Protein backbone atom coordinates (compact mmCIF):
# COMPACT_ATOMS: atom_id res chain seq x y z
CA MET A 1 -14.94 10.85 12.06
CA THR A 2 -13.21 13.13 14.60
CA LEU A 3 -9.75 12.08 15.76
CA THR A 4 -7.82 13.46 18.69
CA VAL A 5 -4.34 14.89 18.11
CA GLN A 6 -2.83 11.92 19.91
CA ASN A 7 -4.84 9.44 17.83
CA VAL A 8 -3.80 11.17 14.61
CA ARG A 9 -0.19 11.01 15.76
CA ASN A 10 -0.39 7.33 16.72
CA THR A 11 -2.21 6.49 13.50
CA GLY A 12 0.39 8.32 11.44
CA MET A 13 3.27 6.48 13.07
CA LEU A 14 1.50 3.20 12.45
CA LEU A 15 0.78 3.99 8.83
CA VAL A 16 4.18 5.27 7.80
CA SER A 17 5.61 2.09 9.23
CA LEU A 18 3.04 -0.02 7.40
CA PHE A 19 3.94 1.96 4.29
CA ILE A 20 7.46 0.61 4.60
CA MET A 21 6.36 -2.92 5.38
CA ALA A 22 3.81 -2.99 2.60
CA THR A 23 6.52 -2.38 0.02
CA THR A 24 9.01 -4.97 1.23
CA THR A 25 9.57 -8.22 -0.67
CA LEU A 26 9.89 -11.49 1.21
CA VAL A 27 12.40 -14.06 0.00
CA GLU A 28 10.75 -17.45 -0.09
CA ALA A 29 11.37 -20.73 -1.90
CA ALA A 30 7.88 -20.71 -3.42
CA TRP A 31 5.39 -17.87 -3.72
CA PRO A 32 1.85 -18.60 -2.48
CA THR A 33 -1.00 -17.89 -4.86
CA ASP A 34 -4.55 -16.61 -4.53
CA LYS A 35 -7.65 -18.66 -5.43
CA HIS A 36 -7.05 -17.89 -9.10
CA GLY A 37 -3.45 -19.07 -9.01
CA VAL A 38 -1.99 -15.53 -9.13
CA PRO A 39 1.27 -15.19 -7.14
CA LEU A 40 0.73 -13.08 -4.02
CA ASP A 41 4.35 -11.98 -3.75
CA ASP A 42 5.09 -10.84 -7.29
CA PRO A 43 4.51 -7.11 -7.90
CA SER A 44 5.08 -7.55 -11.66
CA VAL A 45 1.78 -9.44 -12.05
CA PHE A 46 -0.71 -7.07 -13.70
CA SER A 47 -3.84 -7.82 -11.68
CA ASP A 48 -5.59 -6.58 -8.54
CA PRO A 49 -2.76 -5.60 -6.13
CA GLN A 50 -4.87 -5.90 -2.97
CA PRO A 51 -3.99 -9.57 -2.26
CA LEU A 52 -0.32 -8.64 -2.71
CA VAL A 53 -0.49 -5.80 -0.15
CA VAL A 54 -2.56 -7.81 2.35
CA TYR A 55 -0.22 -10.80 2.11
CA LYS A 56 2.93 -8.72 2.58
CA LEU A 57 1.51 -6.84 5.55
CA LYS A 58 0.48 -10.05 7.28
CA LYS A 59 3.79 -11.82 6.75
CA LEU A 60 5.95 -8.82 7.52
CA THR A 61 4.17 -7.85 10.72
CA GLU A 62 4.69 -11.46 11.82
CA GLN A 63 8.41 -11.13 11.09
CA LEU A 64 8.56 -7.76 12.82
CA GLY A 65 6.97 -9.24 15.94
CA GLU A 66 9.34 -12.20 15.93
CA ASN A 67 12.41 -9.98 15.55
CA ALA A 68 11.35 -6.99 17.67
CA GLU A 69 13.89 -7.59 20.42
CA ARG A 70 16.75 -8.00 17.95
CA ILE A 71 15.78 -4.79 16.15
CA ARG A 72 15.56 -2.87 19.44
CA LYS A 73 19.09 -3.98 20.29
CA ASP A 74 20.48 -3.49 16.80
CA LYS A 75 18.64 -0.88 14.73
CA SER A 76 20.95 -1.52 11.80
CA ILE A 77 18.83 -4.63 11.08
CA ALA A 78 15.93 -2.37 10.15
CA TYR A 79 18.19 -0.23 7.99
CA ARG A 80 19.52 -3.27 6.16
CA ILE A 81 15.93 -4.33 5.43
CA SER A 82 15.28 -0.89 4.04
CA ASP A 83 18.43 -0.77 1.90
CA GLU A 84 17.89 -4.22 0.44
CA LEU A 85 14.13 -4.52 0.12
CA ILE A 86 12.16 -1.30 0.35
CA ALA A 87 13.51 1.13 -2.25
CA PRO A 88 12.72 -0.98 -5.34
CA HIS A 89 9.03 -1.10 -4.40
CA ILE A 90 8.34 2.59 -3.82
CA ASP A 91 7.84 4.94 -6.76
CA PHE A 92 10.22 7.61 -5.46
CA PRO A 93 10.15 9.75 -8.63
CA ARG A 94 6.37 9.98 -8.30
CA VAL A 95 6.60 10.64 -4.55
CA THR A 96 9.15 13.40 -5.18
CA ARG A 97 6.95 15.02 -7.85
CA LEU A 98 4.05 15.07 -5.39
CA ILE A 99 6.21 16.67 -2.70
CA VAL A 100 7.90 19.26 -4.93
CA GLY A 101 4.66 20.13 -6.71
CA LYS A 102 4.71 22.91 -9.30
CA HIS A 103 8.45 23.42 -8.86
CA TRP A 104 9.12 20.03 -10.49
CA ARG A 105 8.31 21.54 -13.90
CA GLN A 106 11.04 24.14 -13.40
CA ALA A 107 13.71 21.59 -12.50
CA ASN A 108 16.20 20.48 -15.14
CA PRO A 109 17.05 16.77 -15.57
CA GLU A 110 20.03 16.91 -13.23
CA GLN A 111 18.07 18.71 -10.51
CA ARG A 112 15.27 16.14 -10.79
CA LYS A 113 17.76 13.31 -10.47
CA GLN A 114 19.29 14.87 -7.34
CA LEU A 115 15.90 15.65 -5.81
CA VAL A 116 14.74 12.05 -6.18
CA LYS A 117 18.01 10.76 -4.71
CA GLU A 118 17.95 13.04 -1.65
CA VAL A 119 14.21 12.68 -0.99
CA GLN A 120 14.48 8.90 -1.22
CA GLU A 121 17.33 8.76 1.29
CA LEU A 122 15.64 11.16 3.72
CA LEU A 123 12.24 9.48 3.65
CA ILE A 124 13.48 5.92 3.97
CA ARG A 125 15.62 6.81 6.97
CA SER A 126 12.80 8.83 8.55
CA TYR A 127 10.15 6.15 8.13
CA VAL A 128 12.42 3.30 9.20
CA THR A 129 13.23 5.29 12.33
CA ALA A 130 9.49 5.65 12.97
CA MET A 131 9.00 1.92 12.42
CA VAL A 132 11.72 1.01 14.91
CA SER A 133 10.34 3.43 17.51
CA TYR A 134 6.79 2.03 17.30
CA ILE A 135 7.34 -1.70 16.79
CA ASP A 136 4.89 -2.79 19.51
CA GLU A 137 2.10 -0.49 18.30
CA ILE A 138 2.56 -1.64 14.72
CA VAL A 139 2.36 -5.32 15.59
CA ALA A 140 -0.64 -4.84 17.91
CA GLY A 141 -2.58 -2.63 15.50
CA SER A 142 -1.98 -4.82 12.46
CA LYS A 143 -3.85 -7.75 14.02
CA ASP A 144 -7.20 -5.95 13.79
CA THR A 145 -6.70 -4.20 10.45
CA ARG A 146 -9.78 -4.65 8.24
CA TYR A 147 -9.61 -4.37 4.44
CA TYR A 148 -12.50 -3.09 2.35
CA PRO A 149 -13.59 -4.92 -0.84
CA SER A 150 -11.37 -4.10 -3.78
CA ARG A 151 -12.61 -1.63 -6.40
CA TYR A 152 -9.98 -2.70 -8.90
CA ARG A 153 -11.15 -3.23 -12.49
CA GLU A 154 -9.21 -5.36 -14.94
CA GLY A 155 -6.74 -3.23 -16.89
CA ASP A 156 -6.48 -0.43 -14.33
CA LYS A 157 -2.94 0.86 -13.90
CA LYS A 158 -3.79 2.81 -10.75
CA ALA A 159 -5.25 1.16 -7.69
CA SER A 160 -6.15 1.96 -4.11
CA VAL A 161 -6.07 -0.65 -1.36
CA ARG A 162 -8.42 0.56 1.38
CA ALA A 163 -8.30 -0.49 5.01
CA SER A 164 -9.50 0.44 8.49
CA ILE A 165 -6.90 0.70 11.28
CA PRO A 166 -7.96 0.40 14.94
CA LEU A 167 -7.14 3.25 17.32
CA GLU A 168 -7.25 3.70 21.07
CA GLY A 169 -10.70 4.17 22.57
CA GLY A 170 -12.45 2.02 20.00
CA GLN A 171 -12.04 4.50 17.16
CA THR A 172 -10.81 3.61 13.68
CA ALA A 173 -9.09 5.46 10.86
CA ASP A 174 -9.54 4.80 7.17
CA ILE A 175 -6.40 4.53 5.07
CA GLN A 176 -5.68 4.08 1.38
CA TYR A 177 -2.53 2.65 -0.12
CA GLN A 178 -2.09 4.35 -3.52
CA LEU A 179 -0.36 2.18 -6.15
CA TYR A 180 0.63 2.62 -9.77
CA TYR A 181 1.56 -0.08 -12.29
CA ARG A 182 4.47 0.40 -14.67
CA ASP A 183 6.13 -3.00 -15.18
CA GLU A 184 5.26 -3.69 -11.54
CA TRP A 185 3.03 -2.34 -8.77
CA LYS A 186 4.63 0.37 -6.65
CA ILE A 187 3.27 2.37 -3.73
CA TYR A 188 3.60 6.12 -4.14
CA ASP A 189 1.44 7.44 -1.31
CA ILE A 190 -0.76 6.64 1.69
CA ARG A 191 -3.85 8.66 2.60
CA ILE A 192 -4.96 8.88 6.23
CA GLU A 193 -8.60 9.93 6.49
CA GLY A 194 -8.20 11.43 3.01
CA ILE A 195 -4.97 13.30 3.84
CA SER A 196 -1.95 12.43 1.68
CA LEU A 197 1.25 11.70 3.60
CA ALA A 198 3.32 12.78 0.60
CA MET A 199 1.43 16.06 0.37
CA THR A 200 2.07 16.85 4.03
CA TYR A 201 5.66 17.57 3.02
CA ARG A 202 4.70 19.94 0.21
CA THR A 203 4.16 23.08 2.30
CA SER A 204 7.54 22.80 3.99
CA PHE A 205 9.34 22.08 0.72
CA ASP A 206 7.50 24.88 -1.09
CA GLU A 207 8.59 27.40 1.54
CA ARG A 208 12.19 26.28 1.30
CA ILE A 209 12.23 26.37 -2.51
CA LYS A 210 10.79 29.91 -2.52
CA LYS A 211 13.46 30.97 -0.03
CA MET A 212 16.56 29.23 -1.39
CA GLY A 213 15.65 27.87 -4.81
CA LEU A 214 15.83 24.29 -6.05
CA ASP A 215 19.61 24.12 -5.81
CA GLY A 216 19.46 25.43 -2.25
CA LEU A 217 16.91 22.78 -1.29
CA ILE A 218 19.02 20.04 -2.87
CA THR A 219 22.08 21.24 -0.96
CA GLN A 220 20.12 21.36 2.30
CA LEU A 221 18.71 17.86 1.80
CA ALA A 222 22.14 16.49 0.96
CA GLU A 223 23.58 18.01 4.13
CA ARG A 224 20.79 16.62 6.28
CA ASN A 225 21.32 13.20 4.76
CA ARG A 226 25.06 13.47 5.40
CA LYS A 227 24.31 14.15 9.08
CA GLY A 228 21.75 11.33 9.24
CA GLU A 229 18.84 13.58 10.17
CA VAL A 230 15.20 12.50 10.13
CA GLU A 231 12.22 14.54 8.90
CA LEU A 232 8.61 13.60 9.58
CA PRO A 233 5.36 15.53 9.07
CA ASP A 234 4.03 17.27 12.21
CA ALA A 235 1.18 14.79 12.65
CA ILE A 236 3.53 11.84 12.96
CA ALA A 237 6.68 13.35 14.44
CA PRO A 238 7.59 12.45 18.03
CA GLU A 239 5.91 14.86 20.43
CA ASP A 240 9.16 16.41 21.65
CA ASN A 241 10.41 17.16 18.12
CA SER A 242 9.13 19.40 15.34
CA SER A 243 8.76 18.09 11.80
CA THR A 244 12.09 19.58 10.83
CA ALA A 245 14.00 18.65 13.97
CA ALA A 246 17.10 16.54 13.64
CA ILE A 247 16.69 13.07 15.09
CA LEU A 248 19.91 11.14 14.80
CA PRO A 249 19.37 7.36 14.59
CA SER A 250 21.58 5.33 16.87
CA ALA A 251 22.31 2.94 14.02
CA ALA A 252 25.19 3.77 11.72
CA VAL A 253 24.16 6.24 9.03
CA HIS A 254 24.69 4.86 5.52
């Protein structure tokens, strides 16, 4: 399909926010189960992860809608959700390897540790900021999200949950949540119309590594995190900011 620039931008904002929500764990007295009795809210269960993702998205968009006004008045609520619930359910080492690409092989153990730490902090803050900015669009779009039949086969340790997201003008965009199982299911990427969100960062990071080296990149990321800056790919960045522009969240920076 052909998407307009504005539709790509709106879709991207929706999806990075859903990326965050899809990886958040709800705290409930009892976990619901699917028709086979498999818990829907337990990522450690080694079975088809699609019911898990669908359930979390449904429940969390409901919570987002119910708390939208509170979040708009106090953005620190969204950051607390991120700090407490999101990080354990994203495979940040895998995300970082995708972003850094061939340079990962050249990094020593300490550099890898620092890269994962700084990338994790930058991405969580960036995507939570996007989520807060587009609460209404996320809630509205999630109501008409359609999931394709699962292609999961028993024993698979990699899975893709595929869905169709509605856009303005009656168009739709296909997305894929990429998951990997290692003791539990974790999301490591989202593909929008076949384009990897993680890979959209690779060009920028590659240019910086070639210019300043791995240590220089780590120092730059650490400084940006200290200042509370946000970095989003061009397709999903606010229209009046470039992908590397500093966007300081009004909530306190952790």
